Amino acid sequence: MGFEVVLFTEEINEELEYALPGFIDRVLIPSSFKHGRATELRKYLKHHNVDLFIHHAAYSNNFFFDEIITKSLGIHFCVVNHGISSLSLLDKLSCFANFPFFYHIADALIVLNTMDLKFYSALGIPTFYIANPIPPLPHIAKTNKSNDIKNLVWIARLDQFQKNYAEALDIFRFVCEKVDNVVCHIVGRGQAVDVEYINNYIKTNGLENKIIYEGFTTNLQKFLTTADVQLITSSFESFPMNLIEAKQYGIPVVLYELPYVELIKDQKGIISVPQHSVKEAAEAILELLRNDSKREALSLASKQSLDSFRRKVPSHIRSWKDIIAKLESTEFTPPQFFDPDWNNFWQTLLFFQSENKRNKPEIINLSTYDRKKIERYENCLSFLLIFFPPQTLRYRLIKKAARRIYNFMKKYVTDQ
């Protein structure tokens, strides 16, 4: 776009790296202010003569302080919010309720759907809607399958809170019980406990040849070119790239209702079911697998929907150029649509939500591994108490010895 770009990141993780053009400078800054983040950020902002800082971590613990430092240097500050405004109403993420107040200080807030545009604008925040850039896809023909196997695919991060992978497994199991010639692919990265859950689920239900955990891969083409139906079980999304990929490949999609997502508003190429409706989602997939003509019609509609979206939404390049030009203009006045009634309603809602959070007993969800550790500890303790009964001299002596061993081990690990 004709601008000099410098990329600020906190770390380099080779497994998660995107390819960067050679002409882009990259600066590494500490992830903590305790380790000099403020000093490094100020130094490199000045060194590279930055005019506009575009912040892509809208929910970071560092966000507010990055914003203050940048603005104190007279540099325009723009934040890109990849989430959705209603996130702050979810118990697990109640701390996010503060961020709308931080966004007031920014020169511009970029959101990925028109619902958030209206929401943040009503709070008096200068907000602009720019859809995520849709990467060009070379024409790739669907793989011709010589057998009669139907392929289902679920692609996402293994996150039960947002992506509901456990429900995706239940949906696939229901489909496998009704149809013989189907193979379901689970593609995504997760914690060890999530992978363990999936593998145990597959083994326990005897679905080793029906549901396959594929792990993480950057080569999704082999799944997208063979998929007959794609399943999306997200509780919330802002701009789901897996839906973009499905529409690019003309894959019919069965998904939980996400009515505010721009790509779904036309209801083309998709079948929506109510949130967490496992049975309805499975039945929708079964209908598509049994009805070739409906599946082909949905596939065509999926591609047409994406083409229509491309034509309707201004390009991200033009949108960014317009915003940068406005920020550089001395006559620019940020858009203001402050609704005091809406603001009062929002703050009242947050108050009751925070009260609900404060008064609700905290439920600790332990992993399978943690539960096993506790069980092993209890078994070991029960065995030892046979030989060292409580309130005895033997018990006090073994307890004192155990404490010394623990302190020695703790000191050894610290020194190492």
Protein backbone atom coordinates (compact mmCIF):
# COMPACT_ATOMS: atom_id res chain seq x y z
CA MET A 1 0.00 0.00 0.00
CA GLY A 2 3.03 2.29 -0.20
CA PHE A 3 3.77 2.47 3.54
CA GLU A 4 6.88 1.44 5.40
CA VAL A 5 5.88 -1.31 7.84
CA VAL A 6 7.57 -2.42 11.06
CA LEU A 7 6.27 -5.49 12.89
CA PHE A 8 6.37 -5.49 16.71
CA THR A 9 6.10 -8.94 18.30
CA GLU A 10 6.84 -10.40 21.72
CA GLU A 11 8.38 -13.71 20.69
CA ILE A 12 9.30 -15.97 17.80
CA ASN A 13 7.66 -19.39 17.68
CA GLU A 14 8.90 -21.28 14.65
CA GLU A 15 5.89 -23.63 14.61
CA LEU A 16 3.42 -20.75 14.38
CA GLU A 17 5.32 -18.34 12.14
CA TYR A 18 3.81 -16.74 9.05
CA ALA A 19 6.08 -15.99 6.11
CA LEU A 20 7.01 -12.28 6.16
CA PRO A 21 8.10 -10.22 3.15
CA GLY A 22 11.81 -9.53 3.29
CA PHE A 23 11.35 -5.74 3.31
CA ILE A 24 9.45 -5.72 6.63
CA ASP A 25 11.55 -4.95 9.71
CA ARG A 26 10.74 -7.00 12.80
CA VAL A 27 11.23 -5.79 16.36
CA LEU A 28 11.07 -8.01 19.44
CA ILE A 29 9.89 -6.40 22.67
CA PRO A 30 9.51 -7.98 26.14
CA SER A 31 6.10 -9.43 26.95
CA SER A 32 6.15 -7.89 30.43
CA PHE A 33 6.58 -4.32 31.67
CA LYS A 34 8.52 -5.82 34.56
CA HIS A 35 11.18 -6.79 32.02
CA GLY A 36 11.44 -3.38 30.34
CA ARG A 37 8.60 -3.45 27.82
CA ALA A 38 7.85 0.28 28.24
CA THR A 39 11.46 1.35 27.61
CA GLU A 40 11.85 -0.92 24.57
CA LEU A 41 8.49 0.10 23.09
CA ARG A 42 9.26 3.83 23.39
CA LYS A 43 12.78 3.32 21.98
CA TYR A 44 11.65 1.47 18.85
CA LEU A 45 8.62 3.67 18.21
CA LYS A 46 11.00 6.67 18.12
CA HIS A 47 13.77 4.83 16.23
CA HIS A 48 11.45 3.83 13.38
CA ASN A 49 9.62 7.19 13.32
CA VAL A 50 6.27 5.43 13.66
CA ASP A 51 3.28 7.57 12.65
CA LEU A 52 0.55 5.01 13.29
CA PHE A 53 0.62 2.06 15.67
CA ILE A 54 -1.93 -0.65 14.79
CA HIS A 55 -2.47 -2.89 17.82
CA HIS A 56 -3.77 -6.42 17.13
CA ALA A 57 -4.06 -7.64 20.73
CA ALA A 58 -7.27 -5.94 21.80
CA TYR A 59 -7.69 -8.10 24.93
CA SER A 60 -4.06 -8.19 26.03
CA ASN A 61 -3.12 -7.33 29.61
CA ASN A 62 -0.55 -4.98 28.06
CA PHE A 63 -3.01 -3.22 25.77
CA PHE A 64 -3.91 -0.22 27.94
CA PHE A 65 -0.29 0.58 28.83
CA ASP A 66 0.87 0.17 25.22
CA GLU A 67 -1.86 2.62 24.27
CA ILE A 68 -0.82 5.18 26.92
CA ILE A 69 2.86 5.01 25.91
CA THR A 70 2.07 5.38 22.20
CA LYS A 71 -0.34 8.28 22.67
CA SER A 72 2.13 10.05 25.00
CA LEU A 73 4.57 10.17 22.06
CA GLY A 74 1.98 11.86 19.84
CA ILE A 75 1.57 8.76 17.68
CA HIS A 76 -1.82 7.75 16.29
CA PHE A 77 -3.10 4.56 17.93
CA CYS A 78 -5.49 2.17 16.22
CA VAL A 79 -6.75 -1.10 17.69
CA VAL A 80 -8.09 -4.08 15.72
CA ASN A 81 -10.61 -6.14 17.71
CA HIS A 82 -10.79 -9.75 16.51
CA GLY A 83 -13.35 -10.67 19.16
CA ILE A 84 -16.99 -9.67 19.61
CA SER A 85 -18.48 -7.16 22.03
CA SER A 86 -20.67 -9.72 23.78
CA LEU A 87 -17.59 -11.62 25.01
CA SER A 88 -17.57 -9.45 28.11
CA LEU A 89 -20.92 -10.90 29.17
CA LEU A 90 -19.55 -14.42 29.45
CA ASP A 91 -18.61 -15.37 33.00
CA LYS A 92 -15.23 -16.78 32.10
CA LEU A 93 -14.21 -13.53 30.39
CA SER A 94 -15.85 -10.99 32.69
CA CYS A 95 -12.56 -9.09 33.03
CA PHE A 96 -12.97 -8.04 29.38
CA ALA A 97 -15.71 -5.64 30.44
CA ASN A 98 -13.05 -2.95 31.03
CA PHE A 99 -11.78 -2.88 27.47
CA PRO A 100 -14.57 -0.75 25.91
CA PHE A 101 -13.47 2.02 28.28
CA PHE A 102 -9.86 1.65 27.10
CA TYR A 103 -10.96 1.91 23.46
CA HIS A 104 -12.21 5.46 24.06
CA ILE A 105 -8.59 6.66 24.12
CA ALA A 106 -7.75 5.11 20.73
CA ASP A 107 -7.92 7.15 17.52
CA ALA A 108 -9.76 4.33 15.76
CA LEU A 109 -11.22 0.93 16.59
CA ILE A 110 -11.50 -1.61 13.77
CA VAL A 111 -14.14 -4.34 14.08
CA LEU A 112 -14.97 -7.34 11.90
CA ASN A 113 -18.78 -7.14 11.85
CA THR A 114 -21.47 -4.48 11.68
CA MET A 115 -23.02 -5.53 15.01
CA ASP A 116 -19.85 -4.43 16.81
CA LEU A 117 -19.73 -1.28 14.67
CA LYS A 118 -23.14 -0.22 16.03
CA PHE A 119 -22.34 -1.35 19.57
CA TYR A 120 -19.06 0.52 20.03
CA SER A 121 -20.31 3.56 18.11
CA ALA A 122 -23.22 3.81 20.57
CA LEU A 123 -20.60 4.06 23.34
CA GLY A 124 -18.99 7.01 21.56
CA ILE A 125 -15.90 5.10 20.38
CA PRO A 126 -14.59 6.04 16.88
CA THR A 127 -15.31 2.70 15.20
CA PHE A 128 -14.83 1.44 11.64
CA TYR A 129 -15.86 -1.86 10.04
CA ILE A 130 -13.26 -3.59 7.87
CA ALA A 131 -13.78 -7.21 6.93
CA ASN A 132 -10.80 -9.53 7.17
CA PRO A 133 -8.91 -9.81 3.87
CA ILE A 134 -9.98 -12.95 2.03
CA PRO A 135 -6.88 -14.67 0.66
CA PRO A 136 -7.03 -15.49 -3.06
CA LEU A 137 -7.45 -19.17 -3.79
CA PRO A 138 -6.21 -20.70 -7.03
CA HIS A 139 -8.77 -22.80 -8.84
CA ILE A 140 -8.49 -26.27 -7.36
CA ALA A 141 -10.87 -28.94 -8.53
CA LYS A 142 -12.53 -31.13 -5.96
CA THR A 143 -10.79 -34.48 -5.66
CA ASN A 144 -12.63 -37.22 -7.54
CA LYS A 145 -13.12 -40.10 -5.14
CA SER A 146 -13.22 -43.56 -6.63
CA ASN A 147 -15.05 -45.04 -3.63
CA ASP A 148 -18.37 -44.18 -2.06
CA ILE A 149 -16.93 -42.84 1.20
CA LYS A 150 -18.35 -39.55 2.47
CA ASN A 151 -15.92 -37.25 4.29
CA LEU A 152 -16.88 -34.91 7.11
CA VAL A 153 -14.43 -32.36 8.51
CA TRP A 154 -14.20 -30.21 11.65
CA ILE A 155 -11.34 -27.69 11.67
CA ALA A 156 -10.64 -25.50 14.71
CA ARG A 157 -8.54 -24.95 17.79
CA LEU A 158 -9.27 -27.63 20.41
CA ASP A 159 -11.01 -25.21 22.75
CA GLN A 160 -14.12 -26.52 24.47
CA PHE A 161 -15.15 -23.05 25.72
CA GLN A 162 -15.47 -21.49 22.26
CA LYS A 163 -15.22 -24.31 19.71
CA ASN A 164 -17.13 -27.12 21.52
CA TYR A 165 -15.02 -29.99 20.17
CA ALA A 166 -16.69 -32.44 22.59
CA GLU A 167 -20.06 -31.69 20.99
CA ALA A 168 -18.51 -32.09 17.54
CA LEU A 169 -17.46 -35.60 18.57
CA ASP A 170 -21.01 -36.37 19.74
CA ILE A 171 -22.40 -35.13 16.41
CA PHE A 172 -19.95 -37.25 14.44
CA ARG A 173 -20.71 -40.31 16.58
CA PHE A 174 -24.44 -39.88 15.93
CA VAL A 175 -23.80 -39.65 12.18
CA CYS A 176 -21.50 -42.71 12.21
CA GLU A 177 -24.20 -44.75 13.94
CA LYS A 178 -26.65 -43.97 11.12
CA VAL A 179 -24.34 -44.11 8.08
CA ASP A 180 -21.73 -46.74 7.31
CA ASN A 181 -19.74 -45.13 4.49
CA VAL A 182 -18.57 -42.02 6.35
CA VAL A 183 -15.20 -40.88 7.74
CA CYS A 184 -14.96 -37.86 10.08
CA HIS A 185 -11.77 -35.79 10.38
CA ILE A 186 -10.92 -33.67 13.45
CA VAL A 187 -8.20 -31.16 12.53
CA GLY A 188 -6.66 -28.78 15.06
CA ARG A 189 -4.10 -28.05 17.74
CA GLY A 190 -4.85 -28.50 21.44
CA GLN A 191 -3.47 -29.16 24.88
CA ALA A 192 -2.43 -32.69 25.80
CA VAL A 193 -5.59 -33.13 27.89
CA ASP A 194 -7.79 -32.23 24.90
CA VAL A 195 -5.99 -34.66 22.60
CA GLU A 196 -6.27 -37.33 25.29
CA TYR A 197 -10.02 -36.71 25.57
CA ILE A 198 -10.51 -37.08 21.81
CA ASN A 199 -8.44 -40.25 21.53
CA ASN A 200 -10.19 -41.82 24.54
CA TYR A 201 -13.59 -40.86 23.12
CA ILE A 202 -12.79 -42.50 19.79
CA LYS A 203 -11.45 -45.65 21.44
CA THR A 204 -14.23 -45.95 24.02
CA ASN A 205 -16.93 -45.73 21.36
CA GLY A 206 -15.16 -48.10 18.97
CA LEU A 207 -14.85 -45.46 16.24
CA GLU A 208 -11.17 -45.89 15.34
CA ASN A 209 -11.92 -46.24 11.61
CA LYS A 210 -14.75 -43.70 11.58
CA ILE A 211 -13.41 -40.65 13.45
CA ILE A 212 -9.76 -39.70 12.88
CA TYR A 213 -7.88 -37.11 14.89
CA GLU A 214 -5.54 -35.53 12.33
CA GLY A 215 -3.71 -33.13 14.64
CA PHE A 216 -2.55 -29.72 13.46
CA THR A 217 -1.50 -29.00 9.89
CA THR A 218 -1.00 -25.95 7.71
CA ASN A 219 -1.93 -28.05 4.66
CA LEU A 220 -5.72 -28.03 4.90
CA GLN A 221 -6.13 -28.52 1.16
CA LYS A 222 -6.16 -32.31 1.41
CA PHE A 223 -9.18 -32.15 3.74
CA LEU A 224 -11.02 -29.31 2.00
CA THR A 225 -10.79 -30.86 -1.47
CA THR A 226 -12.34 -34.12 -0.29
CA ALA A 227 -14.89 -32.86 2.26
CA ASP A 228 -18.57 -33.45 1.54
CA VAL A 229 -19.74 -31.47 4.59
CA GLN A 230 -17.95 -29.21 7.07
CA LEU A 231 -19.11 -28.88 10.68
CA ILE A 232 -18.60 -25.70 12.75
CA THR A 233 -19.65 -25.87 16.40
CA SER A 234 -18.46 -22.48 17.70
CA SER A 235 -20.37 -20.75 20.48
CA PHE A 236 -19.13 -17.41 19.18
CA GLU A 237 -17.01 -16.12 16.29
CA SER A 238 -16.27 -12.71 14.86
CA PHE A 239 -15.00 -13.56 11.37
CA PRO A 240 -14.51 -17.34 11.08
CA MET A 241 -11.79 -18.08 8.55
CA ASN A 242 -12.75 -21.77 8.43
CA LEU A 243 -16.11 -20.65 7.01
CA ILE A 244 -14.28 -18.61 4.37
CA GLU A 245 -12.26 -21.68 3.42
CA ALA A 246 -15.37 -23.84 3.24
CA LYS A 247 -17.07 -21.34 0.90
CA GLN A 248 -13.95 -21.04 -1.23
CA TYR A 249 -14.01 -24.80 -1.80
CA GLY A 250 -17.80 -24.94 -2.14
CA ILE A 251 -18.30 -27.14 0.91
CA PRO A 252 -21.80 -27.20 2.47
CA VAL A 253 -21.56 -26.15 6.12
CA VAL A 254 -23.62 -27.21 9.12
CA LEU A 255 -23.04 -24.84 12.02
CA TYR A 256 -24.39 -23.47 15.26
CA GLU A 257 -26.32 -20.22 14.79
CA LEU A 258 -24.08 -17.15 14.65
CA PRO A 259 -26.55 -14.55 13.32
CA TYR A 260 -24.27 -11.52 13.64
CA VAL A 261 -21.46 -12.97 11.45
CA GLU A 262 -21.43 -11.11 8.12
CA LEU A 263 -20.72 -14.22 6.04
CA ILE A 264 -23.81 -16.00 7.37
CA LYS A 265 -26.42 -13.28 7.05
CA ASP A 266 -27.50 -14.42 3.58
CA GLN A 267 -27.97 -18.01 4.87
CA LYS A 268 -26.55 -19.41 1.61
CA GLY A 269 -24.47 -22.57 1.50
CA ILE A 270 -25.11 -23.29 5.17
CA ILE A 271 -27.57 -24.98 7.50
CA SER A 272 -27.84 -23.31 10.90
CA VAL A 273 -29.05 -25.12 14.00
CA PRO A 274 -29.57 -23.71 17.52
CA GLN A 275 -26.50 -23.49 19.74
CA HIS A 276 -25.49 -26.83 21.34
CA SER A 277 -28.17 -28.73 19.40
CA VAL A 278 -26.16 -31.89 18.85
CA LYS A 279 -29.03 -33.98 17.51
CA GLU A 280 -30.26 -31.29 15.08
CA ALA A 281 -26.75 -30.75 13.73
CA ALA A 282 -26.30 -34.50 13.19
CA GLU A 283 -29.68 -34.78 11.46
CA ALA A 284 -28.78 -31.85 9.16
CA ILE A 285 -25.55 -33.62 8.16
CA LEU A 286 -27.44 -36.89 7.58
CA GLU A 287 -29.90 -35.10 5.32
CA LEU A 288 -27.06 -33.73 3.20
CA LEU A 289 -25.29 -37.10 3.01
CA ARG A 290 -28.49 -38.83 1.86
CA ASN A 291 -29.56 -36.14 -0.60
CA ASP A 292 -26.93 -35.59 -3.31
CA SER A 293 -28.91 -32.92 -5.15
CA LYS A 294 -29.39 -30.81 -2.01
CA ARG A 295 -25.72 -31.15 -1.13
CA GLU A 296 -24.66 -30.05 -4.62
CA ALA A 297 -27.09 -27.11 -4.55
CA LEU A 298 -25.70 -26.00 -1.19
CA SER A 299 -22.16 -26.33 -2.54
CA LEU A 300 -22.94 -24.01 -5.47
CA ALA A 301 -24.73 -21.55 -3.18
CA SER A 302 -21.71 -21.51 -0.88
CA LYS A 303 -19.38 -20.31 -3.66
CA GLN A 304 -21.93 -17.76 -4.89
CA SER A 305 -22.32 -16.41 -1.36
CA LEU A 306 -18.59 -15.71 -1.07
CA ASP A 307 -18.49 -14.04 -4.50
CA SER A 308 -21.40 -11.81 -3.48
CA PHE A 309 -19.67 -10.92 -0.20
CA ARG A 310 -16.49 -9.93 -2.03
CA ARG A 311 -18.45 -7.57 -4.32
CA LYS A 312 -20.52 -6.05 -1.52
CA VAL A 313 -17.79 -5.34 1.04
CA PRO A 314 -15.20 -2.62 0.27
CA SER A 315 -11.69 -4.00 -0.06
CA HIS A 316 -9.60 -3.91 3.10
CA ILE A 317 -6.88 -2.04 1.18
CA ARG A 318 -9.16 0.84 0.26
CA SER A 319 -10.72 0.89 3.73
CA TRP A 320 -7.34 1.09 5.46
CA LYS A 321 -6.12 3.83 3.10
CA ASP A 322 -9.26 5.87 3.84
CA ILE A 323 -8.81 5.54 7.61
CA ILE A 324 -5.10 6.40 7.50
CA ALA A 325 -5.83 9.42 5.31
CA LYS A 326 -8.48 10.59 7.78
CA LEU A 327 -6.16 10.17 10.76
CA GLU A 328 -3.45 12.19 9.00
CA SER A 329 -5.88 14.97 8.11
CA THR A 330 -5.82 17.93 10.49
CA GLU A 331 -9.54 18.44 9.82
CA PHE A 332 -10.55 14.87 10.72
CA THR A 333 -13.26 14.57 13.34
CA PRO A 334 -13.78 11.03 14.67
CA PRO A 335 -17.28 9.66 14.08
CA GLN A 336 -19.43 10.12 17.16
CA PHE A 337 -22.68 8.33 17.86
CA PHE A 338 -22.90 8.36 21.61
CA ASP A 339 -26.18 7.13 23.07
CA PRO A 340 -26.32 7.89 26.85
CA ASP A 341 -29.29 5.56 27.36
CA TRP A 342 -27.42 2.70 25.72
CA ASN A 343 -24.30 3.49 27.75
CA ASN A 344 -26.31 3.40 31.01
CA PHE A 345 -27.91 0.14 29.98
CA TRP A 346 -24.49 -1.37 29.19
CA GLN A 347 -22.95 -0.33 32.50
CA THR A 348 -25.98 -1.62 34.42
CA LEU A 349 -25.76 -4.93 32.60
CA LEU A 350 -22.06 -5.22 33.42
CA PHE A 351 -22.76 -4.40 37.06
CA PHE A 352 -25.27 -7.22 37.44
CA GLN A 353 -23.03 -9.58 35.52
CA SER A 354 -20.05 -8.82 37.77
CA GLU A 355 -22.24 -9.25 40.86
CA ASN A 356 -23.38 -12.60 39.52
CA LYS A 357 -19.76 -13.57 38.95
CA ARG A 358 -18.71 -12.44 42.44
CA ASN A 359 -21.51 -14.32 44.21
CA LYS A 360 -21.22 -17.51 42.18
CA PRO A 361 -19.10 -20.25 43.79
CA GLU A 362 -16.06 -20.96 41.69
CA ILE A 363 -16.13 -24.34 39.96
CA ILE A 364 -12.72 -25.82 39.27
CA ASN A 365 -12.62 -28.04 36.20
CA LEU A 366 -9.79 -30.51 36.64
CA SER A 367 -8.14 -32.28 33.75
CA THR A 368 -8.09 -36.08 33.59
CA TYR A 369 -4.40 -36.00 34.43
CA ASP A 370 -4.96 -33.78 37.52
CA ARG A 371 -7.77 -36.04 38.73
CA LYS A 372 -5.45 -39.04 38.38
CA LYS A 373 -2.74 -37.25 40.38
CA ILE A 374 -5.19 -36.50 43.20
CA GLU A 375 -6.45 -40.08 43.16
CA ARG A 376 -2.89 -41.43 43.31
CA TYR A 377 -2.06 -39.07 46.18
CA GLU A 378 -5.12 -40.18 48.14
CA ASN A 379 -4.31 -43.86 47.56
CA CYS A 380 -0.70 -43.34 48.64
CA LEU A 381 -1.76 -41.35 51.73
CA SER A 382 -4.28 -44.02 52.76
CA PHE A 383 -1.57 -46.67 52.49
CA LEU A 384 0.95 -44.67 54.57
CA LEU A 385 -1.59 -43.92 57.31
CA ILE A 386 -1.86 -47.67 57.97
CA PHE A 387 1.76 -47.63 59.20
CA PHE A 388 1.80 -44.02 60.47
CA PRO A 389 -1.57 -43.37 62.15
CA PRO A 390 -2.44 -39.70 62.84
CA GLN A 391 -1.74 -38.32 66.33
CA THR A 392 1.18 -40.70 66.82
CA LEU A 393 4.90 -40.08 67.22
CA ARG A 394 5.58 -42.06 64.03
CA TYR A 395 3.22 -39.77 62.08
CA ARG A 396 4.92 -36.59 63.38
CA LEU A 397 8.38 -37.98 62.55
CA ILE A 398 7.47 -39.01 58.98
CA LYS A 399 5.79 -35.65 58.40
CA LYS A 400 8.93 -33.80 59.55
CA ALA A 401 11.11 -35.99 57.32
CA ALA A 402 8.84 -35.43 54.32
CA ARG A 403 8.99 -31.65 54.83
CA ARG A 404 12.80 -31.69 54.84
CA ILE A 405 12.92 -33.80 51.69
CA TYR A 406 10.48 -31.43 49.99
CA ASN A 407 12.49 -28.31 50.99
CA PHE A 408 15.69 -29.94 49.73
CA MET A 409 14.08 -30.80 46.39
CA LYS A 410 12.60 -27.29 46.08
CA LYS A 411 15.99 -25.68 46.76
CA TYR A 412 17.71 -28.03 44.29
CA VAL A 413 15.23 -27.24 41.50
CA THR A 414 15.49 -23.48 42.20
CA ASP A 415 19.30 -23.59 42.12
CA GLN A 416 19.25 -25.52 38.86
